[in-house]
Amino acid sequence: MRYLYLIQNETEFQGPPPARLMEEMGKLMGRRIADGSLIDTAGLMPVAQAVRATLKRGKLNVMDGPFTESKEIIGGYAIFKFDTREQAVEALTEFMELHRLYADGWEFSCEMREINEHTNPEPVA
């Protein structure tokens, strides 16, 4: 099963992450790459550079960020593959624990969602 982790915070982090956090995250991601569970991960550029498209009542609207009405900002993501939901929750907890230990004062959440494997359309040749 594949899982999407969405990192959400109320404000964008200012400045670079703590060096020790990046060191420990590098070790964790290295282990996840080696065991085959990490599929993809990245931080996202500032919301000021975002573009949002909405479809409402048949009308398409495309607008540039920033989006002041947003209550939470998605700051990054990761896609993992685990055999069980329990393994995915354990990995999520390990990720958050590193931030608790090495990113003093950071407050954010990480939402874990299982990817619905049945919604991928077949490519047209």
PDB file of N, CA and C in Angstrom:
ATOM      1  N   MET A   1       0.837  -1.169   0.000  1.00  0.00           N
ATOM      2  CA  MET A   1       0.000   0.000   0.000  1.00  0.00           C
ATOM      3  C   MET A   1       0.890   1.244   0.000  1.00  0.00           C
ATOM      4  N   ARG A   2       0.440   2.249  -0.752  1.00  0.00           N
ATOM      5  CA  ARG A   2       1.186   3.501  -0.780  1.00  0.00           C
ATOM      6  C   ARG A   2       0.474   4.543   0.080  1.00  0.00           C
ATOM      7  N   TYR A   3       1.277   5.398   0.698  1.00  0.00           N
ATOM      8  CA  TYR A   3       0.761   6.427   1.598  1.00  0.00           C
ATOM      9  C   TYR A   3       1.371   7.774   1.243  1.00  0.00           C
ATOM     10  N   LEU A   4       0.538   8.796   1.287  1.00  0.00           N
ATOM     11  CA  LEU A   4       0.974  10.173   1.086  1.00  0.00           C
ATOM     12  C   LEU A   4       1.004  10.859   2.437  1.00  0.00           C
ATOM     13  N   TYR A   5       2.128  11.464   2.760  1.00  0.00           N
ATOM     14  CA  TYR A   5       2.254  12.264   3.979  1.00  0.00           C
ATOM     15  C   TYR A   5       2.259  13.722   3.539  1.00  0.00           C
ATOM     16  N   LEU A   6       1.379  14.529   4.098  1.00  0.00           N
ATOM     17  CA  LEU A   6       1.317  15.959   3.796  1.00  0.00           C
ATOM     18  C   LEU A   6       1.735  16.738   5.028  1.00  0.00           C
ATOM     19  N   ILE A   7       2.764  17.550   4.891  1.00  0.00           N
ATOM     20  CA  ILE A   7       3.246  18.368   5.996  1.00  0.00           C
ATOM     21  C   ILE A   7       2.505  19.698   5.932  1.00  0.00           C
ATOM     22  N   GLN A   8       1.782  20.026   7.006  1.00  0.00           N
ATOM     23  CA  GLN A   8       0.945  21.225   7.034  1.00  0.00           C
ATOM     24  C   GLN A   8       1.313  22.091   8.224  1.00  0.00           C
ATOM     25  N   ASN A   9       1.372  23.398   7.979  1.00  0.00           N
ATOM     26  CA  ASN A   9       1.603  24.337   9.056  1.00  0.00           C
ATOM     27  C   ASN A   9       0.778  25.590   8.809  1.00  0.00           C
ATOM     28  N   GLU A  10       0.599  26.383   9.858  1.00  0.00           N
ATOM     29  CA  GLU A  10      -0.210  27.593   9.733  1.00  0.00           C
ATOM     30  C   GLU A  10       0.556  28.736   9.096  1.00  0.00           C
ATOM     31  N   THR A  11       1.866  28.746   9.210  1.00  0.00           N
ATOM     32  CA  THR A  11       2.707  29.763   8.578  1.00  0.00           C
ATOM     33  C   THR A  11       3.890  29.063   7.932  1.00  0.00           C
ATOM     34  N   GLU A  12       4.485  29.717   6.955  1.00  0.00           N
ATOM     35  CA  GLU A  12       5.659  29.132   6.316  1.00  0.00           C
ATOM     36  C   GLU A  12       6.857  29.274   7.243  1.00  0.00           C
ATOM     37  N   PHE A  13       7.697  28.251   7.270  1.00  0.00           N
ATOM     38  CA  PHE A  13       8.904  28.304   8.084  1.00  0.00           C
ATOM     39  C   PHE A  13       9.833  29.361   7.505  1.00  0.00           C
ATOM     40  N   GLN A  14      10.465  30.095   8.371  1.00  0.00           N
ATOM     41  CA  GLN A  14      11.401  31.138   7.947  1.00  0.00           C
ATOM     42  C   GLN A  14      12.829  30.619   8.124  1.00  0.00           C
ATOM     43  N   GLY A  15      13.644  30.801   7.113  1.00  0.00           N
ATOM     44  CA  GLY A  15      15.034  30.391   7.197  1.00  0.00           C
ATOM     45  C   GLY A  15      15.206  28.902   6.976  1.00  0.00           C
ATOM     46  N   PRO A  16      16.464  28.480   6.933  1.00  0.00           N
ATOM     47  CA  PRO A  16      16.748  27.063   6.695  1.00  0.00           C
ATOM     48  C   PRO A  16      16.431  26.215   7.923  1.00  0.00           C
ATOM     49  N   PRO A  17      16.146  24.927   7.708  1.00  0.00           N
ATOM     50  CA  PRO A  17      15.919  24.023   8.835  1.00  0.00           C
ATOM     51  C   PRO A  17      17.198  23.871   9.657  1.00  0.00           C
ATOM     52  N   PRO A  18      17.080  23.509  10.922  1.00  0.00           N
ATOM     53  CA  PRO A  18      18.269  23.282  11.751  1.00  0.00           C
ATOM     54  C   PRO A  18      19.174  22.207  11.136  1.00  0.00           C
ATOM     55  N   ALA A  19      20.484  22.444  11.210  1.00  0.00           N
ATOM     56  CA  ALA A  19      21.461  21.526  10.613  1.00  0.00           C
ATOM     57  C   ALA A  19      21.334  20.111  11.177  1.00  0.00           C
ATOM     58  N   ARG A  20      21.145  19.995  12.486  1.00  0.00           N
ATOM     59  CA  ARG A  20      21.042  18.660  13.095  1.00  0.00           C
ATOM     60  C   ARG A  20      19.799  17.928  12.593  1.00  0.00           C
ATOM     61  N   LEU A  21      18.692  18.661  12.412  1.00  0.00           N
ATOM     62  CA  LEU A  21      17.482  18.047  11.859  1.00  0.00           C
ATOM     63  C   LEU A  21      17.774  17.499  10.466  1.00  0.00           C
ATOM     64  N   MET A  22      18.428  18.285   9.635  1.00  0.00           N
ATOM     65  CA  MET A  22      18.719  17.842   8.273  1.00  0.00           C
ATOM     66  C   MET A  22      19.649  16.626   8.269  1.00  0.00           C
ATOM     67  N   GLU A  23      20.589  16.597   9.195  1.00  0.00           N
ATOM     68  CA  GLU A  23      21.491  15.447   9.320  1.00  0.00           C
ATOM     69  C   GLU A  23      20.706  14.186   9.676  1.00  0.00           C
ATOM     70  N   GLU A  24      19.851  14.291  10.683  1.00  0.00           N
ATOM     71  CA  GLU A  24      19.057  13.133  11.124  1.00  0.00           C
ATOM     72  C   GLU A  24      18.034  12.717  10.068  1.00  0.00           C
ATOM     73  N   MET A  25      17.430  13.703   9.387  1.00  0.00           N
ATOM     74  CA  MET A  25      16.481  13.385   8.314  1.00  0.00           C
ATOM     75  C   MET A  25      17.206  12.679   7.171  1.00  0.00           C
ATOM     76  N   GLY A  26      18.434  13.101   6.880  1.00  0.00           N
ATOM     77  CA  GLY A  26      19.220  12.434   5.847  1.00  0.00           C
ATOM     78  C   GLY A  26      19.454  10.966   6.165  1.00  0.00           C
ATOM     79  N   LYS A  27      19.742  10.685   7.432  1.00  0.00           N
ATOM     80  CA  LYS A  27      19.921   9.291   7.860  1.00  0.00           C
ATOM     81  C   LYS A  27      18.627   8.501   7.704  1.00  0.00           C
ATOM     82  N   LEU A  28      17.519   9.098   8.159  1.00  0.00           N
ATOM     83  CA  LEU A  28      16.223   8.426   8.068  1.00  0.00           C
ATOM     84  C   LEU A  28      15.843   8.167   6.612  1.00  0.00           C
ATOM     85  N   MET A  29      15.964   9.177   5.769  1.00  0.00           N
ATOM     86  CA  MET A  29      15.596   9.004   4.360  1.00  0.00           C
ATOM     87  C   MET A  29      16.529   7.998   3.685  1.00  0.00           C
ATOM     88  N   GLY A  30      17.805   7.980   4.073  1.00  0.00           N
ATOM     89  CA  GLY A  30      18.731   6.978   3.543  1.00  0.00           C
ATOM     90  C   GLY A  30      18.286   5.564   3.868  1.00  0.00           C
ATOM     91  N   ARG A  31      17.829   5.355   5.115  1.00  0.00           N
ATOM     92  CA  ARG A  31      17.320   4.029   5.503  1.00  0.00           C
ATOM     93  C   ARG A  31      16.057   3.682   4.712  1.00  0.00           C
ATOM     94  N   ARG A  32      15.185   4.658   4.522  1.00  0.00           N
ATOM     95  CA  ARG A  32      13.930   4.411   3.792  1.00  0.00           C
ATOM     96  C   ARG A  32      14.188   4.136   2.314  1.00  0.00           C
ATOM     97  N   ILE A  33      15.171   4.795   1.731  1.00  0.00           N
ATOM     98  CA  ILE A  33      15.534   4.506   0.341  1.00  0.00           C
ATOM     99  C   ILE A  33      16.108   3.097   0.250  1.00  0.00           C
ATOM    100  N   ALA A  34      16.988   2.755   1.195  1.00  0.00           N
ATOM    101  CA  ALA A  34      17.633   1.439   1.183  1.00  0.00           C
ATOM    102  C   ALA A  34      16.628   0.304   1.344  1.00  0.00           C
ATOM    103  N   ASP A  35      15.608   0.498   2.185  1.00  0.00           N
ATOM    104  CA  ASP A  35      14.629  -0.581   2.369  1.00  0.00           C
ATOM    105  C   ASP A  35      13.503  -0.550   1.339  1.00  0.00           C
ATOM    106  N   GLY A  36      13.527   0.445   0.441  1.00  0.00           N
ATOM    107  CA  GLY A  36      12.551   0.514  -0.646  1.00  0.00           C
ATOM    108  C   GLY A  36      11.222   1.143  -0.271  1.00  0.00           C
ATOM    109  N   SER A  37      11.082   1.667   0.952  1.00  0.00           N
ATOM    110  CA  SER A  37       9.786   2.216   1.352  1.00  0.00           C
ATOM    111  C   SER A  37       9.568   3.654   0.886  1.00  0.00           C
ATOM    112  N   LEU A  38      10.637   4.426   0.665  1.00  0.00           N
ATOM    113  CA  LEU A  38      10.484   5.808   0.224  1.00  0.00           C
ATOM    114  C   LEU A  38      10.392   5.856  -1.293  1.00  0.00           C
ATOM    115  N   ILE A  39       9.284   6.382  -1.792  1.00  0.00           N
ATOM    116  CA  ILE A  39       9.074   6.512  -3.233  1.00  0.00           C
ATOM    117  C   ILE A  39       9.485   7.903  -3.710  1.00  0.00           C
ATOM    118  N   ASP A  40       9.061   8.940  -2.985  1.00  0.00           N
ATOM    119  CA  ASP A  40       9.379  10.317  -3.372  1.00  0.00           C
ATOM    120  C   ASP A  40       9.131  11.238  -2.185  1.00  0.00           C
ATOM    121  N   THR A  41       9.882  12.334  -2.113  1.00  0.00           N
ATOM    122  CA  THR A  41       9.670  13.325  -1.064  1.00  0.00           C
ATOM    123  C   THR A  41      10.259  14.651  -1.504  1.00  0.00           C
ATOM    124  N   ALA A  42       9.680  15.745  -1.017  1.00  0.00           N
ATOM    125  CA  ALA A  42      10.218  17.074  -1.312  1.00  0.00           C
ATOM    126  C   ALA A  42       9.515  18.112  -0.454  1.00  0.00           C
ATOM    127  N   GLY A  43      10.229  19.182  -0.190  1.00  0.00           N
ATOM    128  CA  GLY A  43       9.613  20.374   0.364  1.00  0.00           C
ATOM    129  C   GLY A  43       9.041  21.174  -0.792  1.00  0.00           C
ATOM    130  N   LEU A  44       8.112  22.057  -0.508  1.00  0.00           N
ATOM    131  CA  LEU A  44       7.483  22.849  -1.553  1.00  0.00           C
ATOM    132  C   LEU A  44       7.939  24.300  -1.479  1.00  0.00           C
ATOM    133  N   MET A  45       7.937  24.950  -2.608  1.00  0.00           N
ATOM    134  CA  MET A  45       8.315  26.357  -2.691  1.00  0.00           C
ATOM    135  C   MET A  45       7.254  27.195  -1.961  1.00  0.00           C
ATOM    136  N   PRO A  46       7.575  28.456  -1.633  1.00  0.00           N
ATOM    137  CA  PRO A  46       6.631  29.308  -0.890  1.00  0.00           C
ATOM    138  C   PRO A  46       5.287  29.461  -1.593  1.00  0.00           C
ATOM    139  N   VAL A  47       4.247  29.614  -0.795  1.00  0.00           N
ATOM    140  CA  VAL A  47       2.886  29.731  -1.310  1.00  0.00           C
ATOM    141  C   VAL A  47       2.732  30.964  -2.204  1.00  0.00           C
ATOM    142  N   ALA A  48       3.587  31.949  -2.049  1.00  0.00           N
ATOM    143  CA  ALA A  48       3.537  33.130  -2.918  1.00  0.00           C
ATOM    144  C   ALA A  48       3.785  32.754  -4.380  1.00  0.00           C
ATOM    145  N   GLN A  49       4.452  31.620  -4.620  1.00  0.00           N
ATOM    146  CA  GLN A  49       4.749  31.171  -5.980  1.00  0.00           C
ATOM    147  C   GLN A  49       3.722  30.171  -6.502  1.00  0.00           C
ATOM    148  N   ALA A  50       2.703  29.887  -5.714  1.00  0.00           N
ATOM    149  CA  ALA A  50       1.709  28.882  -6.086  1.00  0.00           C
ATOM    150  C   ALA A  50       0.682  29.442  -7.071  1.00  0.00           C
ATOM    151  N   VAL A  51       0.025  28.544  -7.755  1.00  0.00           N
ATOM    152  CA  VAL A  51      -1.112  28.859  -8.611  1.00  0.00           C
ATOM    153  C   VAL A  51      -2.228  27.905  -8.208  1.00  0.00           C
ATOM    154  N   ARG A  52      -3.430  28.435  -8.076  1.00  0.00           N
ATOM    155  CA  ARG A  52      -4.575  27.610  -7.699  1.00  0.00           C
ATOM    156  C   ARG A  52      -5.639  27.700  -8.785  1.00  0.00           C
ATOM    157  N   ALA A  53      -6.139  26.549  -9.213  1.00  0.00           N
ATOM    158  CA  ALA A  53      -7.252  26.489 -10.159  1.00  0.00           C
ATOM    159  C   ALA A  53      -8.450  25.912  -9.425  1.00  0.00           C
ATOM    160  N   THR A  54      -9.592  26.577  -9.557  1.00  0.00           N
ATOM    161  CA  THR A  54     -10.819  26.090  -8.934  1.00  0.00           C
ATOM    162  C   THR A  54     -11.906  25.962  -9.987  1.00  0.00           C
ATOM    163  N   LEU A  55     -12.770  24.995  -9.797  1.00  0.00           N
ATOM    164  CA  LEU A  55     -13.927  24.792 -10.656  1.00  0.00           C
ATOM    165  C   LEU A  55     -15.148  24.860  -9.761  1.00  0.00           C
ATOM    166  N   LYS A  56     -15.973  25.882  -9.955  1.00  0.00           N
ATOM    167  CA  LYS A  56     -17.128  26.095  -9.102  1.00  0.00           C
ATOM    168  C   LYS A  56     -18.297  26.562  -9.953  1.00  0.00           C
ATOM    169  N   ARG A  57     -19.403  25.815  -9.848  1.00  0.00           N
ATOM    170  CA  ARG A  57     -20.618  26.129 -10.609  1.00  0.00           C
ATOM    171  C   ARG A  57     -20.326  26.258 -12.106  1.00  0.00           C
ATOM    172  N   GLY A  58     -19.479  25.372 -12.601  1.00  0.00           N
ATOM    173  CA  GLY A  58     -19.160  25.344 -14.020  1.00  0.00           C
ATOM    174  C   GLY A  58     -18.168  26.394 -14.471  1.00  0.00           C
ATOM    175  N   LYS A  59     -17.645  27.203 -13.553  1.00  0.00           N
ATOM    176  CA  LYS A  59     -16.702  28.260 -13.913  1.00  0.00           C
ATOM    177  C   LYS A  59     -15.308  27.900 -13.421  1.00  0.00           C
ATOM    178  N   LEU A  60     -14.340  27.998 -14.333  1.00  0.00           N
ATOM    179  CA  LEU A  60     -12.945  27.731 -14.015  1.00  0.00           C
ATOM    180  C   LEU A  60     -12.263  29.053 -13.671  1.00  0.00           C
ATOM    181  N   ASN A  61     -11.553  29.067 -12.550  1.00  0.00           N
ATOM    182  CA  ASN A  61     -10.833  30.251 -12.111  1.00  0.00           C
ATOM    183  C   ASN A  61      -9.398  29.857 -11.782  1.00  0.00           C
ATOM    184  N   VAL A  62      -8.439  30.565 -12.364  1.00  0.00           N
ATOM    185  CA  VAL A  62      -7.021  30.320 -12.111  1.00  0.00           C
ATOM    186  C   VAL A  62      -6.448  31.588 -11.487  1.00  0.00           C
ATOM    187  N   MET A  63      -5.791  31.435 -10.309  1.00  0.00           N
ATOM    188  CA  MET A  63      -5.235  32.607  -9.630  1.00  0.00           C
ATOM    189  C   MET A  63      -3.855  32.305  -9.069  1.00  0.00           C
ATOM    190  N   ASP A  64      -3.050  33.352  -8.998  1.00  0.00           N
ATOM    191  CA  ASP A  64      -1.720  33.255  -8.421  1.00  0.00           C
ATOM    192  C   ASP A  64      -1.785  33.426  -6.914  1.00  0.00           C
ATOM    193  N   GLY A  65      -0.823  32.788  -6.206  1.00  0.00           N
ATOM    194  CA  GLY A  65      -0.711  32.959  -4.764  1.00  0.00           C
ATOM    195  C   GLY A  65      -0.095  34.304  -4.444  1.00  0.00           C
ATOM    196  N   PRO A  66       0.007  34.639  -3.199  1.00  0.00           N
ATOM    197  CA  PRO A  66      -0.380  33.829  -2.038  1.00  0.00           C
ATOM    198  C   PRO A  66      -1.887  33.844  -1.821  1.00  0.00           C
ATOM    199  N   PHE A  67      -2.348  32.883  -1.068  1.00  0.00           N
ATOM    200  CA  PHE A  67      -3.769  32.722  -0.797  1.00  0.00           C
ATOM    201  C   PHE A  67      -4.016  33.030   0.663  1.00  0.00           C
ATOM    202  N   THR A  68      -4.411  34.226   0.957  1.00  0.00           N
ATOM    203  CA  THR A  68      -4.544  34.678   2.340  1.00  0.00           C
ATOM    204  C   THR A  68      -5.635  33.948   3.106  1.00  0.00           C
ATOM    205  N   GLU A  69      -6.604  33.375   2.390  1.00  0.00           N
ATOM    206  CA  GLU A  69      -7.682  32.676   3.084  1.00  0.00           C
ATOM    207  C   GLU A  69      -7.294  31.272   3.547  1.00  0.00           C
ATOM    208  N   SER A  70      -6.122  30.795   3.148  1.00  0.00           N
ATOM    209  CA  SER A  70      -5.687  29.458   3.543  1.00  0.00           C
ATOM    210  C   SER A  70      -5.392  29.415   5.040  1.00  0.00           C
ATOM    211  N   LYS A  71      -5.978  28.434   5.723  1.00  0.00           N
ATOM    212  CA  LYS A  71      -5.717  28.261   7.148  1.00  0.00           C
ATOM    213  C   LYS A  71      -4.466  27.428   7.385  1.00  0.00           C
ATOM    214  N   GLU A  72      -4.161  26.555   6.446  1.00  0.00           N
ATOM    215  CA  GLU A  72      -2.976  25.716   6.569  1.00  0.00           C
ATOM    216  C   GLU A  72      -2.219  25.740   5.253  1.00  0.00           C
ATOM    217  N   ILE A  73      -0.914  25.707   5.351  1.00  0.00           N
ATOM    218  CA  ILE A  73      -0.042  25.705   4.182  1.00  0.00           C
ATOM    219  C   ILE A  73       0.578  24.319   4.070  1.00  0.00           C
ATOM    220  N   ILE A  74       0.503  23.733   2.892  1.00  0.00           N
ATOM    221  CA  ILE A  74       1.176  22.457   2.671  1.00  0.00           C
ATOM    222  C   ILE A  74       2.617  22.784   2.329  1.00  0.00           C
ATOM    223  N   GLY A  75       3.538  22.365   3.196  1.00  0.00           N
ATOM    224  CA  GLY A  75       4.941  22.717   3.047  1.00  0.00           C
ATOM    225  C   GLY A  75       5.795  21.644   2.409  1.00  0.00           C
ATOM    226  N   GLY A  76       5.273  20.422   2.329  1.00  0.00           N
ATOM    227  CA  GLY A  76       6.041  19.337   1.750  1.00  0.00           C
ATOM    228  C   GLY A  76       5.223  18.065   1.709  1.00  0.00           C
ATOM    229  N   TYR A  77       5.792  17.052   1.102  1.00  0.00           N
ATOM    230  CA  TYR A  77       5.095  15.772   0.987  1.00  0.00           C
ATOM    231  C   TYR A  77       6.113  14.641   0.941  1.00  0.00           C
ATOM    232  N   ALA A  78       5.625  13.456   1.170  1.00  0.00           N
ATOM    233  CA  ALA A  78       6.409  12.240   0.969  1.00  0.00           C
ATOM    234  C   ALA A  78       5.453  11.134   0.561  1.00  0.00           C
ATOM    235  N   ILE A  79       5.913  10.258  -0.293  1.00  0.00           N
ATOM    236  CA  ILE A  79       5.134   9.083  -0.687  1.00  0.00           C
ATOM    237  C   ILE A  79       5.947   7.861  -0.291  1.00  0.00           C
ATOM    238  N   PHE A  80       5.310   6.998   0.494  1.00  0.00           N
ATOM    239  CA  PHE A  80       5.945   5.780   0.981  1.00  0.00           C
ATOM    240  C   PHE A  80       5.138   4.571   0.565  1.00  0.00           C
ATOM    241  N   LYS A  81       5.792   3.421   0.600  1.00  0.00           N
ATOM    242  CA  LYS A  81       5.130   2.138   0.353  1.00  0.00           C
ATOM    243  C   LYS A  81       5.427   1.242   1.540  1.00  0.00           C
ATOM    244  N   PHE A  82       4.363   0.771   2.188  1.00  0.00           N
ATOM    245  CA  PHE A  82       4.489  -0.134   3.327  1.00  0.00           C
ATOM    246  C   PHE A  82       3.511  -1.292   3.157  1.00  0.00           C
ATOM    247  N   ASP A  83       3.826  -2.399   3.789  1.00  0.00           N
ATOM    248  CA  ASP A  83       2.947  -3.570   3.733  1.00  0.00           C
ATOM    249  C   ASP A  83       1.701  -3.384   4.584  1.00  0.00           C
ATOM    250  N   THR A  84       1.819  -2.633   5.685  1.00  0.00           N
ATOM    251  CA  THR A  84       0.683  -2.476   6.591  1.00  0.00           C
ATOM    252  C   THR A  84       0.505  -1.009   6.997  1.00  0.00           C
ATOM    253  N   ARG A  85      -0.687  -0.688   7.411  1.00  0.00           N
ATOM    254  CA  ARG A  85      -0.982   0.651   7.928  1.00  0.00           C
ATOM    255  C   ARG A  85      -0.163   0.918   9.194  1.00  0.00           C
ATOM    256  N   GLU A  86       0.029  -0.097  10.002  1.00  0.00           N
ATOM    257  CA  GLU A  86       0.796   0.054  11.230  1.00  0.00           C
ATOM    258  C   GLU A  86       2.231   0.495  10.931  1.00  0.00           C
ATOM    259  N   GLN A  87       2.840  -0.080   9.887  1.00  0.00           N
ATOM    260  CA  GLN A  87       4.186   0.342   9.493  1.00  0.00           C
ATOM    261  C   GLN A  87       4.194   1.806   9.054  1.00  0.00           C
ATOM    262  N   ALA A  88       3.159   2.217   8.350  1.00  0.00           N
ATOM    263  CA  ALA A  88       3.064   3.605   7.887  1.00  0.00           C
ATOM    264  C   ALA A  88       2.933   4.564   9.061  1.00  0.00           C
ATOM    265  N   VAL A  89       2.128   4.205  10.049  1.00  0.00           N
ATOM    266  CA  VAL A  89       1.964   5.049  11.237  1.00  0.00           C
ATOM    267  C   VAL A  89       3.269   5.100  12.026  1.00  0.00           C
ATOM    268  N   GLU A  90       3.961   3.985  12.119  1.00  0.00           N
ATOM    269  CA  GLU A  90       5.247   3.943  12.820  1.00  0.00           C
ATOM    270  C   GLU A  90       6.262   4.866  12.140  1.00  0.00           C
ATOM    271  N   ALA A  91       6.295   4.852  10.812  1.00  0.00           N
ATOM    272  CA  ALA A  91       7.204   5.725  10.070  1.00  0.00           C
ATOM    273  C   ALA A  91       6.824   7.189  10.247  1.00  0.00           C
ATOM    274  N   LEU A  92       5.548   7.480  10.263  1.00  0.00           N
ATOM    275  CA  LEU A  92       5.065   8.847  10.495  1.00  0.00           C
ATOM    276  C   LEU A  92       5.499   9.336  11.873  1.00  0.00           C
ATOM    277  N   THR A  93       5.352   8.489  12.868  1.00  0.00           N
ATOM    278  CA  THR A  93       5.735   8.838  14.234  1.00  0.00           C
ATOM    279  C   THR A  93       7.241   9.089  14.322  1.00  0.00           C
ATOM    280  N   GLU A  94       8.031   8.266  13.651  1.00  0.00           N
ATOM    281  CA  GLU A  94       9.483   8.447  13.651  1.00  0.00           C
ATOM    282  C   GLU A  94       9.859   9.787  13.015  1.00  0.00           C
ATOM    283  N   PHE A  95       9.214  10.138  11.914  1.00  0.00           N
ATOM    284  CA  PHE A  95       9.452  11.412  11.236  1.00  0.00           C
ATOM    285  C   PHE A  95       9.135  12.589  12.156  1.00  0.00           C
ATOM    286  N   MET A  96       7.984  12.540  12.825  1.00  0.00           N
ATOM    287  CA  MET A  96       7.583  13.631  13.713  1.00  0.00           C
ATOM    288  C   MET A  96       8.492  13.704  14.940  1.00  0.00           C
ATOM    289  N   GLU A  97       8.923  12.567  15.428  1.00  0.00           N
ATOM    290  CA  GLU A  97       9.808  12.538  16.601  1.00  0.00           C
ATOM    291  C   GLU A  97      11.138  13.233  16.300  1.00  0.00           C
ATOM    292  N   LEU A  98      11.676  13.060  15.104  1.00  0.00           N
ATOM    293  CA  LEU A  98      12.906  13.763  14.735  1.00  0.00           C
ATOM    294  C   LEU A  98      12.711  15.273  14.804  1.00  0.00           C
ATOM    295  N   HIS A  99      11.564  15.742  14.374  1.00  0.00           N
ATOM    296  CA  HIS A  99      11.283  17.176  14.431  1.00  0.00           C
ATOM    297  C   HIS A  99      11.102  17.648  15.874  1.00  0.00           C
ATOM    298  N   ARG A 100      10.486  16.816  16.700  1.00  0.00           N
ATOM    299  CA  ARG A 100      10.333  17.179  18.109  1.00  0.00           C
ATOM    300  C   ARG A 100      11.702  17.330  18.766  1.00  0.00           C
ATOM    301  N   LEU A 101      12.621  16.432  18.420  1.00  0.00           N
ATOM    302  CA  LEU A 101      13.946  16.438  19.035  1.00  0.00           C
ATOM    303  C   LEU A 101      14.880  17.511  18.480  1.00  0.00           C
ATOM    304  N   TYR A 102      14.809  17.781  17.172  1.00  0.00           N
ATOM    305  CA  TYR A 102      15.839  18.598  16.532  1.00  0.00           C
ATOM    306  C   TYR A 102      15.331  19.877  15.869  1.00  0.00           C
ATOM    307  N   ALA A 103      14.065  20.201  16.022  1.00  0.00           N
ATOM    308  CA  ALA A 103      13.524  21.441  15.439  1.00  0.00           C
ATOM    309  C   ALA A 103      12.736  22.177  16.518  1.00  0.00           C
ATOM    310  N   ASP A 104      13.447  22.609  17.541  1.00  0.00           N
ATOM    311  CA  ASP A 104      12.834  23.272  18.684  1.00  0.00           C
ATOM    312  C   ASP A 104      11.943  24.436  18.249  1.00  0.00           C
ATOM    313  N   GLY A 105      10.720  24.426  18.729  1.00  0.00           N
ATOM    314  CA  GLY A 105       9.789  25.505  18.449  1.00  0.00           C
ATOM    315  C   GLY A 105       8.950  25.336  17.198  1.00  0.00           C
ATOM    316  N   TRP A 106       9.287  24.364  16.363  1.00  0.00           N
ATOM    317  CA  TRP A 106       8.476  24.146  15.161  1.00  0.00           C
ATOM    318  C   TRP A 106       7.156  23.516  15.566  1.00  0.00           C
ATOM    319  N   GLU A 107       6.081  24.018  14.999  1.00  0.00           N
ATOM    320  CA  GLU A 107       4.752  23.448  15.223  1.00  0.00           C
ATOM    321  C   GLU A 107       4.094  23.217  13.876  1.00  0.00           C
ATOM    322  N   PHE A 108       3.711  21.978  13.631  1.00  0.00           N
ATOM    323  CA  PHE A 108       3.075  21.623  12.366  1.00  0.00           C
ATOM    324  C   PHE A 108       2.422  20.263  12.522  1.00  0.00           C
ATOM    325  N   SER A 109       1.706  19.859  11.501  1.00  0.00           N
ATOM    326  CA  SER A 109       1.115  18.528  11.509  1.00  0.00           C
ATOM    327  C   SER A 109       1.523  17.808  10.227  1.00  0.00           C
ATOM    328  N   CYS A 110       1.399  16.500  10.272  1.00  0.00           N
ATOM    329  CA  CYS A 110       1.662  15.683   9.098  1.00  0.00           C
ATOM    330  C   CYS A 110       0.482  14.724   8.957  1.00  0.00           C
ATOM    331  N   GLU A 111      -0.248  14.896   7.896  1.00  0.00           N
ATOM    332  CA  GLU A 111      -1.414  14.053   7.635  1.00  0.00           C
ATOM    333  C   GLU A 111      -1.007  12.888   6.750  1.00  0.00           C
ATOM    334  N   MET A 112      -1.381  11.685   7.149  1.00  0.00           N
ATOM    335  CA  MET A 112      -1.078  10.475   6.385  1.00  0.00           C
ATOM    336  C   MET A 112      -2.356   9.993   5.724  1.00  0.00           C
ATOM    337  N   ARG A 113      -2.288   9.796   4.405  1.00  0.00           N
ATOM    338  CA  ARG A 113      -3.459   9.306   3.664  1.00  0.00           C
ATOM    339  C   ARG A 113      -3.035   8.139   2.785  1.00  0.00           C
ATOM    340  N   GLU A 114      -3.802   7.062   2.828  1.00  0.00           N
ATOM    341  CA  GLU A 114      -3.533   5.947   1.925  1.00  0.00           C
ATOM    342  C   GLU A 114      -3.931   6.363   0.516  1.00  0.00           C
ATOM    343  N   ILE A 115      -3.096   6.023  -0.449  1.00  0.00           N
ATOM    344  CA  ILE A 115      -3.377   6.346  -1.845  1.00  0.00           C
ATOM    345  C   ILE A 115      -4.324   5.296  -2.402  1.00  0.00           C
ATOM    346  N   ASN A 116      -5.401   5.754  -3.002  1.00  0.00           N
ATOM    347  CA  ASN A 116      -6.395   4.864  -3.589  1.00  0.00           C
ATOM    348  C   ASN A 116      -5.861   4.361  -4.924  1.00  0.00           C
ATOM    349  N   GLU A 117      -5.434   3.125  -4.952  1.00  0.00           N
ATOM    350  CA  GLU A 117      -4.811   2.545  -6.143  1.00  0.00           C
ATOM    351  C   GLU A 117      -5.809   2.334  -7.278  1.00  0.00           C
ATOM    352  N   HIS A 118      -7.093   2.447  -6.987  1.00  0.00           N
ATOM    353  CA  HIS A 118      -8.129   2.160  -7.994  1.00  0.00           C
ATOM    354  C   HIS A 118      -8.593   3.392  -8.739  1.00  0.00           C
ATOM    355  N   THR A 119      -7.981   4.567  -8.454  1.00  0.00           N
ATOM    356  CA  THR A 119      -8.432   5.794  -9.106  1.00  0.00           C
ATOM    357  C   THR A 119      -7.493   6.251 -10.216  1.00  0.00           C
ATOM    358  N   ASN A 120      -6.441   5.502 -10.467  1.00  0.00           N
ATOM    359  CA  ASN A 120      -5.499   5.902 -11.522  1.00  0.00           C
ATOM    360  C   ASN A 120      -6.070   5.521 -12.881  1.00  0.00           C
ATOM    361  N   PRO A 121      -6.306   6.522 -13.756  1.00  0.00           N
ATOM    362  CA  PRO A 121      -6.838   6.175 -15.095  1.00  0.00           C
ATOM    363  C   PRO A 121      -5.773   5.491 -15.940  1.00  0.00           C
ATOM    364  N   GLU A 122      -6.248   4.656 -16.846  1.00  0.00           N
ATOM    365  CA  GLU A 122      -5.327   3.993 -17.776  1.00  0.00           C
ATOM    366  C   GLU A 122      -4.851   5.016 -18.801  1.00  0.00           C
ATOM    367  N   PRO A 123      -3.543   5.057 -19.062  1.00  0.00           N
ATOM    368  CA  PRO A 123      -3.043   6.007 -20.060  1.00  0.00           C
ATOM    369  C   PRO A 123      -3.570   5.669 -21.459  1.00  0.00           C
ATOM    370  N   VAL A 124      -3.823   6.715 -22.237  1.00  0.00           N
ATOM    371  CA  VAL A 124      -4.279   6.539 -23.616  1.00  0.00           C
ATOM    372  C   VAL A 124      -3.078   6.692 -24.526  1.00  0.00           C
ATOM    373  N   ALA A 125      -2.901   5.722 -25.415  1.00  0.00           N
ATOM    374  CA  ALA A 125      -1.740   5.757 -26.331  1.00  0.00           C
ATOM    375  C   ALA A 125      -1.980   6.667 -27.505  1.00  0.00           C
TER     376      ALA A 125
END
